[in-house]
């Protein structure tokens, strides 16, 4: 049942987002040009976004019911060249406030969360980094409190979907205490854009970010030196037809790997292990472009990742889907999407007392449509069907539906 307090908390967060977003604009109203957008500044910008949604479990899972939840992200971003004459320098500091109950925890109990904004309710420091660029942006280094899932294993087409599985790859997010939403961690990332098509990036992050609901509720429990080890990531990306004026269909393929060293954790068989590793491949490709249009048409994506079965809950993951931008006449910026994901659990993860589990996998089918009402606001109805919720339990397949509103300033 959807409680009034659950709705009011999300609505209150929405009002706070509006107030914070328009405050910088009001302060600069005297000298701002008439066409200025909220957050615009020559040296500083104030990115603010609020995502609110209502989701319901209509059938299956563990119980029927609905929830309302929200996510407020407030930050300040600066160009250090324009601020203090530091050429190539920039910074970002942001705070995160997730709030509202979880449909996964209350009603569905799926393995991959049905909402990618679902997080423990606490105000937390999110990103806080400095970046230096050289050679017109061909080289860059970013250091501070970072998120791996904004830098690595990113698919632009997969980002449309609301289920958490389509965000940070489960072979990373479900296997490691990694720097992924909603917990950032100390780290460094270096990127080299070798050519217009080829780029290479590497990163090193704290190997154990802690738990968002217990020992790192506010994102400031930096755990370096606590035997958490180091998580290293590397990714090579090759893109084609991405430059302006290209006549072919744009696409990109990414090949990445992760390696965690340190700590003394036991694997799923109870054997001490000091290392872990895995890899992934990601591809995004436009399949058809509307004649005369710049980016409207049909696109596809696919992601595959793997890790050792004996020390990882998720040894294999794959997803894929299609996006269509401008499907309906007069709605050129709207995006429709259909995607499926498959999460395989280790044979050691589910068995209890030698009794094999009913299933060692969870499959998600999601259909969504993002309506771009204005440049700064979007409304997104969404339907998901979850096969084998929880993967290890014998639960009925779940049907989830809802609607999301995203406001960005």
Protein backbone atom coordinates (compact mmCIF):
# COMPACT_ATOMS: atom_id res chain seq x y z
CA UNK A 1 0.00 0.00 0.00
CA UNK A 2 1.30 3.47 -0.86
CA UNK A 3 1.45 5.58 2.30
CA UNK A 4 0.82 9.35 2.26
CA UNK A 5 4.15 9.95 4.04
CA UNK A 6 5.98 8.16 1.25
CA UNK A 7 4.44 10.49 -1.34
CA UNK A 8 4.98 13.65 0.72
CA UNK A 9 8.69 12.95 1.23
CA UNK A 10 9.27 12.65 -2.51
CA UNK A 11 7.17 15.73 -3.23
CA UNK A 12 9.06 17.72 -0.58
CA UNK A 13 12.34 16.69 -2.21
CA UNK A 14 10.99 17.87 -5.54
CA UNK A 15 10.19 21.31 -4.10
CA UNK A 16 13.67 21.53 -2.55
CA UNK A 17 15.19 20.69 -5.94
CA UNK A 18 13.26 23.54 -7.56
CA UNK A 19 14.32 26.02 -4.88
CA UNK A 20 18.00 25.07 -5.03
CA UNK A 21 18.02 25.08 -8.82
CA UNK A 22 16.55 28.54 -9.21
CA UNK A 23 18.54 30.17 -6.38
CA UNK A 24 21.70 30.76 -8.48
CA UNK A 25 19.58 32.16 -11.30
CA UNK A 26 17.83 34.60 -8.97
CA UNK A 27 21.16 35.77 -7.54
CA UNK A 28 22.49 36.49 -11.04
CA UNK A 29 19.26 37.89 -12.48
CA UNK A 30 20.65 41.42 -12.66
CA UNK A 31 23.44 40.61 -15.12
CA UNK A 32 22.23 37.42 -16.78
CA UNK A 33 21.28 37.51 -20.48
CA UNK A 34 17.61 37.01 -21.28
CA UNK A 35 18.24 33.54 -22.77
CA UNK A 36 20.38 32.25 -19.87
CA UNK A 37 19.54 28.76 -18.60
CA UNK A 38 19.45 27.78 -14.93
CA UNK A 39 22.98 27.02 -13.70
CA UNK A 40 24.80 28.80 -16.57
CA UNK A 41 27.97 30.68 -15.64
CA UNK A 42 31.24 31.50 -17.32
CA UNK A 43 33.29 29.95 -14.54
CA UNK A 44 30.85 28.12 -12.28
CA UNK A 45 27.78 26.01 -12.87
CA UNK A 46 25.37 24.54 -10.37
CA UNK A 47 24.06 21.21 -11.71
CA UNK A 48 20.88 20.12 -9.97
CA UNK A 49 18.65 17.20 -10.85
CA UNK A 50 15.68 15.57 -9.21
CA UNK A 51 14.25 12.20 -10.13
CA UNK A 52 10.95 11.12 -8.65
CA UNK A 53 8.98 7.99 -9.40
CA UNK A 54 6.03 5.85 -8.41
CA UNK A 55 6.46 2.10 -8.93
CA UNK A 56 4.10 -0.79 -8.23
CA UNK A 57 4.41 -4.55 -8.12
CA UNK A 58 1.27 -5.69 -9.92
CA UNK A 59 1.83 -9.45 -9.76
CA UNK A 60 4.34 -12.01 -8.52
CA UNK A 61 7.31 -11.31 -6.30
CA UNK A 62 6.53 -11.66 -2.61
CA UNK A 63 3.63 -9.22 -2.31
CA UNK A 64 1.67 -6.61 -4.24
CA UNK A 65 2.13 -2.95 -3.44
CA UNK A 66 3.46 0.40 -4.55
CA UNK A 67 6.01 2.98 -3.42
CA UNK A 68 7.13 6.51 -4.19
CA UNK A 69 10.81 7.41 -4.06
CA UNK A 70 13.11 10.17 -5.20
CA UNK A 71 16.72 11.17 -5.75
CA UNK A 72 18.10 14.71 -5.40
CA UNK A 73 21.57 15.47 -6.81
CA UNK A 74 23.03 18.93 -6.11
CA UNK A 75 26.50 20.06 -7.13
CA UNK A 76 28.89 22.84 -8.05
CA UNK A 77 31.22 22.55 -11.03
CA UNK A 78 33.98 24.95 -11.94
CA UNK A 79 36.37 25.85 -14.75
CA UNK A 80 39.61 26.66 -12.93
CA UNK A 81 41.08 28.43 -15.96
CA UNK A 82 38.31 31.02 -15.85
CA UNK A 83 38.27 31.15 -12.05
CA UNK A 84 41.97 31.40 -11.16
CA UNK A 85 43.91 31.03 -14.42
CA UNK A 86 44.66 27.31 -13.93
CA UNK A 87 44.76 26.14 -17.54
CA UNK A 88 43.04 22.81 -18.16
CA UNK A 89 41.78 22.52 -14.58
CA UNK A 90 38.24 21.80 -13.45
CA UNK A 91 36.43 20.45 -10.41
CA UNK A 92 33.11 19.00 -9.27
CA UNK A 93 31.57 18.55 -5.82
CA UNK A 94 28.12 16.99 -5.49
CA UNK A 95 25.74 15.78 -2.81
CA UNK A 96 23.17 13.02 -3.10
CA UNK A 97 19.89 12.60 -1.23
CA UNK A 98 18.00 9.37 -2.02
CA UNK A 99 14.71 9.02 -0.18
CA UNK A 100 11.67 6.80 -0.13
CA UNK A 101 11.06 3.07 0.34
CA UNK A 102 12.38 0.38 -1.99
CA UNK A 103 10.00 -1.63 -4.16
CA UNK A 104 12.64 -4.35 -4.32
CA UNK A 105 12.95 -4.64 -0.52
CA UNK A 106 9.24 -4.35 0.24
CA UNK A 107 7.48 -6.24 -2.52
CA UNK A 108 9.57 -7.83 -5.28
CA UNK A 109 12.78 -9.07 -3.60
CA UNK A 110 14.54 -9.33 -6.93
CA UNK A 111 18.32 -9.70 -7.21
CA UNK A 112 18.84 -6.70 -9.48
CA UNK A 113 16.91 -3.73 -8.17
CA UNK A 114 13.95 -2.64 -10.29
CA UNK A 115 14.95 1.03 -9.89
CA UNK A 116 18.41 2.44 -10.55
CA UNK A 117 17.80 5.28 -8.05
CA UNK A 118 17.01 2.87 -5.21
CA UNK A 119 19.46 3.57 -2.36
CA UNK A 120 19.67 3.89 1.40
CA UNK A 121 18.00 7.08 2.65
CA UNK A 122 20.79 9.42 3.72
CA UNK A 123 22.36 12.65 2.55
CA UNK A 124 25.84 11.77 1.28
CA UNK A 125 28.89 13.28 -0.32
CA UNK A 126 28.84 11.93 -3.85
CA UNK A 127 31.59 13.08 -6.22
CA UNK A 128 34.41 15.46 -5.25
CA UNK A 129 37.24 15.63 -7.76
CA UNK A 130 39.84 17.75 -9.52
CA UNK A 131 40.67 17.20 -13.19
CA UNK A 132 43.59 18.34 -15.30
CA UNK A 133 43.59 18.25 -19.11
CA UNK A 134 46.47 18.70 -21.56
CA UNK A 135 46.84 18.93 -25.34
CA UNK A 136 43.30 20.21 -26.01
CA UNK A 137 41.75 17.45 -23.93
CA UNK A 138 43.65 14.52 -25.44
CA UNK A 139 45.10 13.71 -22.01
CA UNK A 140 43.27 14.06 -18.72
CA UNK A 141 43.71 12.96 -15.12
CA UNK A 142 40.95 13.06 -12.53
CA UNK A 143 41.61 12.53 -8.80
CA UNK A 144 39.43 12.63 -5.70
CA UNK A 145 36.20 10.94 -4.71
CA UNK A 146 35.13 9.19 -7.92
CA UNK A 147 32.52 6.85 -9.35
CA UNK A 148 33.68 3.99 -11.54
CA UNK A 149 30.30 3.66 -13.26
CA UNK A 150 30.42 7.20 -14.69
CA UNK A 151 33.84 6.50 -16.23
CA UNK A 152 33.82 2.79 -17.10
CA UNK A 153 31.41 0.17 -18.54
CA UNK A 154 29.02 2.88 -19.77
CA UNK A 155 26.53 2.32 -22.59
CA UNK A 156 24.66 5.43 -23.70
CA UNK A 157 21.75 3.36 -24.99
CA UNK A 158 21.49 1.17 -21.87
CA UNK A 159 21.30 4.32 -19.72
CA UNK A 160 17.71 4.85 -20.87
CA UNK A 161 16.41 1.92 -18.83
CA UNK A 162 15.32 2.10 -15.19
CA UNK A 163 16.28 -1.33 -13.84
CA UNK A 164 19.54 -1.24 -11.89
CA UNK A 165 21.00 -4.08 -13.96
CA UNK A 166 21.34 -1.76 -16.97
CA UNK A 167 23.55 0.62 -14.99
CA UNK A 168 26.77 -0.59 -13.37
CA UNK A 169 27.55 -4.09 -14.69
CA UNK A 170 26.45 -6.71 -12.10
CA UNK A 171 29.78 -8.53 -12.53
CA UNK A 172 31.23 -5.45 -10.80
CA UNK A 173 28.39 -4.02 -8.69
CA UNK A 174 27.17 -7.37 -7.32
CA UNK A 175 30.59 -8.94 -6.81
CA UNK A 176 32.72 -6.15 -5.37
CA UNK A 177 32.37 -3.36 -2.82
CA UNK A 178 33.11 -1.00 -5.71
CA UNK A 179 32.80 2.73 -6.26
CA UNK A 180 29.42 2.64 -8.01
CA UNK A 181 26.11 4.35 -7.29
CA UNK A 182 25.37 5.44 -4.63
CA UNK A 183 28.81 5.20 -2.96
CA UNK A 184 31.81 6.98 -4.47
CA UNK A 185 35.35 6.34 -3.23
CA UNK A 186 38.88 7.79 -3.36
CA UNK A 187 40.50 7.09 -6.69
CA UNK A 188 42.30 8.32 -9.78
CA UNK A 189 41.45 8.04 -13.48
CA UNK A 190 43.71 8.77 -16.46
CA UNK A 191 42.45 8.98 -20.06
CA UNK A 192 44.27 9.27 -23.38
CA UNK A 193 42.40 10.05 -26.56
CA UNK A 194 44.93 8.62 -29.00
CA UNK A 195 42.89 9.47 -32.12
CA UNK A 196 39.39 10.66 -32.96
CA UNK A 197 38.34 7.00 -32.86
CA UNK A 198 40.56 5.39 -30.20
CA UNK A 199 40.69 6.18 -26.48
CA UNK A 200 42.23 4.38 -23.52
CA UNK A 201 41.52 4.92 -19.84
CA UNK A 202 42.75 3.36 -16.60
CA UNK A 203 41.58 3.85 -13.04
CA UNK A 204 42.48 2.84 -9.50
CA UNK A 205 39.90 3.02 -6.70
CA UNK A 206 39.59 2.05 -3.07
CA UNK A 207 38.81 -1.67 -3.17
CA UNK A 208 36.21 -1.60 -0.38
CA UNK A 209 33.83 1.38 -0.18
CA UNK A 210 31.89 -0.02 2.77
CA UNK A 211 28.15 -0.49 3.04
CA UNK A 212 25.81 2.38 2.15
CA UNK A 213 23.36 1.42 4.92
CA UNK A 214 25.74 0.73 7.83
CA UNK A 215 29.35 1.93 7.92
CA UNK A 216 29.36 4.47 5.05
CA UNK A 217 25.99 6.17 5.24
CA UNK A 218 27.25 9.63 4.28
CA UNK A 219 30.00 8.87 1.76
CA UNK A 220 32.86 10.18 3.91
CA UNK A 221 34.17 6.94 5.43
CA UNK A 222 37.33 6.75 3.35
CA UNK A 223 38.62 3.25 3.92
CA UNK A 224 42.17 3.44 2.57
CA UNK A 225 44.59 1.42 4.67
CA UNK A 226 41.89 -0.87 6.10
CA UNK A 227 42.91 -3.94 4.11
CA UNK A 228 40.28 -3.17 1.50
CA UNK A 229 42.78 -3.44 -1.31
CA UNK A 230 42.71 -1.62 -4.63
CA UNK A 231 40.30 -2.00 -7.54
CA UNK A 232 41.98 -1.35 -10.89
CA UNK A 233 40.05 -0.85 -14.13
CA UNK A 234 41.16 -0.45 -17.71
CA UNK A 235 39.08 0.17 -20.83
CA UNK A 236 39.82 0.61 -24.52
CA UNK A 237 37.13 2.22 -26.70
CA UNK A 238 36.99 2.43 -30.47
CA UNK A 239 34.31 4.61 -32.09
CA UNK A 240 33.39 5.20 -35.72
CA UNK A 241 31.37 7.80 -37.62
CA UNK A 242 31.10 9.95 -34.53
CA UNK A 243 32.65 13.09 -35.93
CA UNK A 244 30.48 15.92 -37.24
CA UNK A 245 29.60 15.48 -40.90
CA UNK A 246 30.17 11.71 -40.97
CA UNK A 247 27.83 9.98 -43.40
CA UNK A 248 27.99 6.49 -41.85
CA UNK A 249 26.08 5.25 -38.83
CA UNK A 250 27.88 5.95 -35.52
CA UNK A 251 28.93 3.20 -33.15
CA UNK A 252 31.41 2.29 -30.45
CA UNK A 253 32.85 -0.87 -28.93
CA UNK A 254 34.54 -1.00 -25.52
CA UNK A 255 36.76 -3.72 -24.13
CA UNK A 256 37.46 -3.56 -20.41
CA UNK A 257 38.84 -5.49 -17.46
CA UNK A 258 38.96 -5.14 -13.68
CA UNK A 259 41.39 -6.49 -11.10
CA UNK A 260 41.08 -6.32 -7.32
CA UNK A 261 44.12 -6.93 -5.15
CA UNK A 262 44.25 -6.94 -1.35
CA UNK A 263 42.17 -8.05 1.59
CA UNK A 264 41.77 -11.59 2.85
CA UNK A 265 38.22 -12.50 1.92
CA UNK A 266 37.03 -16.04 1.52
CA UNK A 267 35.54 -17.19 -1.76
CA UNK A 268 32.18 -18.90 -2.09
CA UNK A 269 33.76 -22.23 -1.12
CA UNK A 270 35.35 -20.80 2.03
CA UNK A 271 38.88 -20.64 0.60
CA UNK A 272 40.89 -17.45 1.36
CA UNK A 273 41.41 -15.36 -1.78
CA UNK A 274 43.43 -12.17 -2.12
CA UNK A 275 42.63 -11.30 -5.73
CA UNK A 276 39.71 -11.13 -8.13
CA UNK A 277 39.40 -10.23 -11.81
CA UNK A 278 36.95 -10.07 -14.68
CA UNK A 279 36.26 -8.53 -18.05
CA UNK A 280 33.53 -7.11 -20.25
CA UNK A 281 32.62 -6.03 -23.77
CA UNK A 282 30.16 -3.25 -24.63
CA UNK A 283 28.82 -2.21 -28.02
CA UNK A 284 26.51 0.62 -29.09
CA UNK A 285 25.47 0.98 -32.72
CA UNK A 286 22.95 3.06 -34.62
CA UNK A 287 21.18 0.72 -37.04
CA UNK A 288 19.09 3.18 -39.03
CA UNK A 289 18.92 6.97 -39.18
CA UNK A 290 15.92 8.95 -40.29
CA UNK A 291 16.75 10.71 -43.57
CA UNK A 292 17.81 14.29 -42.93
CA UNK A 293 17.94 13.82 -39.15
CA UNK A 294 21.05 14.08 -37.01
CA UNK A 295 20.38 11.45 -34.33
CA UNK A 296 16.84 10.14 -34.83
CA UNK A 297 16.41 6.50 -35.66
CA UNK A 298 16.98 2.97 -34.39
CA UNK A 299 19.96 2.02 -32.22
CA UNK A 300 21.06 -1.13 -30.41
CA UNK A 301 23.34 -2.04 -27.53
CA UNK A 302 24.84 -5.18 -26.02
CA UNK A 303 26.95 -5.77 -22.90
CA UNK A 304 28.61 -8.98 -21.71
CA UNK A 305 30.72 -9.50 -18.58
CA UNK A 306 32.33 -12.39 -16.78
CA UNK A 307 34.30 -13.26 -13.63
CA UNK A 308 35.54 -16.45 -11.87
CA UNK A 309 32.71 -18.65 -10.61
CA UNK A 310 34.39 -19.69 -7.35
CA UNK A 311 34.75 -16.19 -5.84
CA UNK A 312 31.97 -14.15 -7.44
CA UNK A 313 28.23 -14.26 -6.90
CA UNK A 314 27.70 -13.23 -10.55
CA UNK A 315 30.13 -15.07 -12.86
CA UNK A 316 28.25 -14.11 -16.04
CA UNK A 317 26.01 -11.25 -17.13
CA UNK A 318 24.59 -10.17 -20.49
CA UNK A 319 22.08 -7.61 -21.68
CA UNK A 320 20.98 -6.00 -24.90
CA UNK A 321 18.23 -3.95 -26.41
CA UNK A 322 16.94 -1.41 -28.88
CA UNK A 323 16.23 2.32 -28.65
CA UNK A 324 14.25 4.38 -31.11
CA UNK A 325 14.52 8.15 -30.97
CA UNK A 326 11.72 10.09 -32.64
CA UNK A 327 9.35 7.16 -33.04
CA UNK A 328 6.19 9.29 -33.08
CA UNK A 329 5.55 12.18 -35.49
CA UNK A 330 6.22 15.52 -33.85
CA UNK A 331 8.09 13.87 -30.95
CA UNK A 332 11.64 13.95 -32.32
CA UNK A 333 13.36 13.96 -28.91
CA UNK A 334 11.34 11.15 -27.31
CA UNK A 335 13.04 7.77 -26.92
CA UNK A 336 11.36 4.35 -26.84
CA UNK A 337 13.26 1.33 -25.61
CA UNK A 338 13.02 -2.44 -25.23
CA UNK A 339 15.75 -4.42 -23.47
CA UNK A 340 16.48 -7.74 -21.77
CA UNK A 341 19.11 -8.69 -19.21
CA UNK A 342 20.33 -12.05 -17.92
CA UNK A 343 22.18 -12.48 -14.63
CA UNK A 344 23.68 -15.87 -13.87
CA UNK A 345 24.59 -16.68 -10.27
CA UNK A 346 27.43 -18.92 -9.22
CA UNK A 347 26.66 -22.56 -8.55
CA UNK A 348 28.09 -21.95 -5.08
CA UNK A 349 25.93 -18.91 -4.31
CA UNK A 350 22.47 -20.39 -3.89
CA UNK A 351 22.84 -23.95 -2.64
CA UNK A 352 21.89 -24.44 1.00
CA UNK A 353 22.97 -27.61 2.71
CA UNK A 354 23.63 -29.34 -0.57
CA UNK A 355 20.10 -28.73 -1.86
CA UNK A 356 20.27 -27.12 -5.32
CA UNK A 357 18.29 -23.93 -5.75
CA UNK A 358 15.34 -23.74 -8.12
CA UNK A 359 17.20 -21.34 -10.40
CA UNK A 360 20.58 -19.70 -10.58
CA UNK A 361 19.60 -16.81 -12.78
CA UNK A 362 17.35 -13.77 -13.04
CA UNK A 363 16.06 -12.40 -16.33
CA UNK A 364 14.54 -8.94 -16.81
CA UNK A 365 12.47 -7.68 -19.72
CA UNK A 366 11.89 -3.93 -19.74
CA UNK A 367 9.90 -1.64 -22.03
CA UNK A 368 10.04 2.12 -21.55
CA UNK A 369 9.21 5.41 -23.27
CA UNK A 370 10.91 8.68 -22.31
CA UNK A 371 8.85 11.76 -23.15
CA UNK A 372 11.05 14.85 -23.39
CA UNK A 373 8.46 17.43 -22.33
CA UNK A 374 11.00 20.27 -22.22
CA UNK A 375 14.77 20.36 -22.45
CA UNK A 376 14.91 20.23 -18.65
CA UNK A 377 12.07 17.84 -17.81
CA UNK A 378 11.22 14.32 -18.95
CA UNK A 379 8.43 11.89 -18.06
CA UNK A 380 9.06 8.16 -18.43
CA UNK A 381 6.45 5.40 -18.09
CA UNK A 382 8.04 1.98 -17.61
CA UNK A 383 7.06 -1.70 -17.48
CA UNK A 384 9.29 -4.57 -16.31
CA UNK A 385 8.79 -8.31 -16.14
CA UNK A 386 11.17 -10.12 -13.79
CA UNK A 387 11.71 -13.84 -14.30
CA UNK A 388 12.91 -15.76 -11.19
CA UNK A 389 13.03 -12.75 -8.83
CA UNK A 390 15.96 -13.17 -6.45
CA UNK A 391 17.51 -15.89 -8.63
CA UNK A 392 18.02 -18.24 -5.68
CA UNK A 393 14.43 -18.35 -4.47
CA UNK A 394 11.33 -19.99 -5.83
CA UNK A 395 9.30 -16.81 -6.32
CA UNK A 396 6.60 -16.06 -8.87
CA UNK A 397 7.61 -13.94 -11.84
CA UNK A 398 6.94 -10.28 -11.08
CA UNK A 399 5.22 -7.60 -13.17
CA UNK A 400 6.33 -4.07 -12.27
CA UNK A 401 5.00 -0.82 -13.72
CA UNK A 402 5.47 2.82 -12.89
CA UNK A 403 6.30 6.32 -14.03
CA UNK A 404 9.36 8.51 -13.49
CA UNK A 405 9.79 12.28 -13.71
CA UNK A 406 13.28 13.76 -14.14
CA UNK A 407 13.99 17.47 -13.74
CA UNK A 408 17.44 18.85 -14.59
CA UNK A 409 18.74 22.38 -14.17
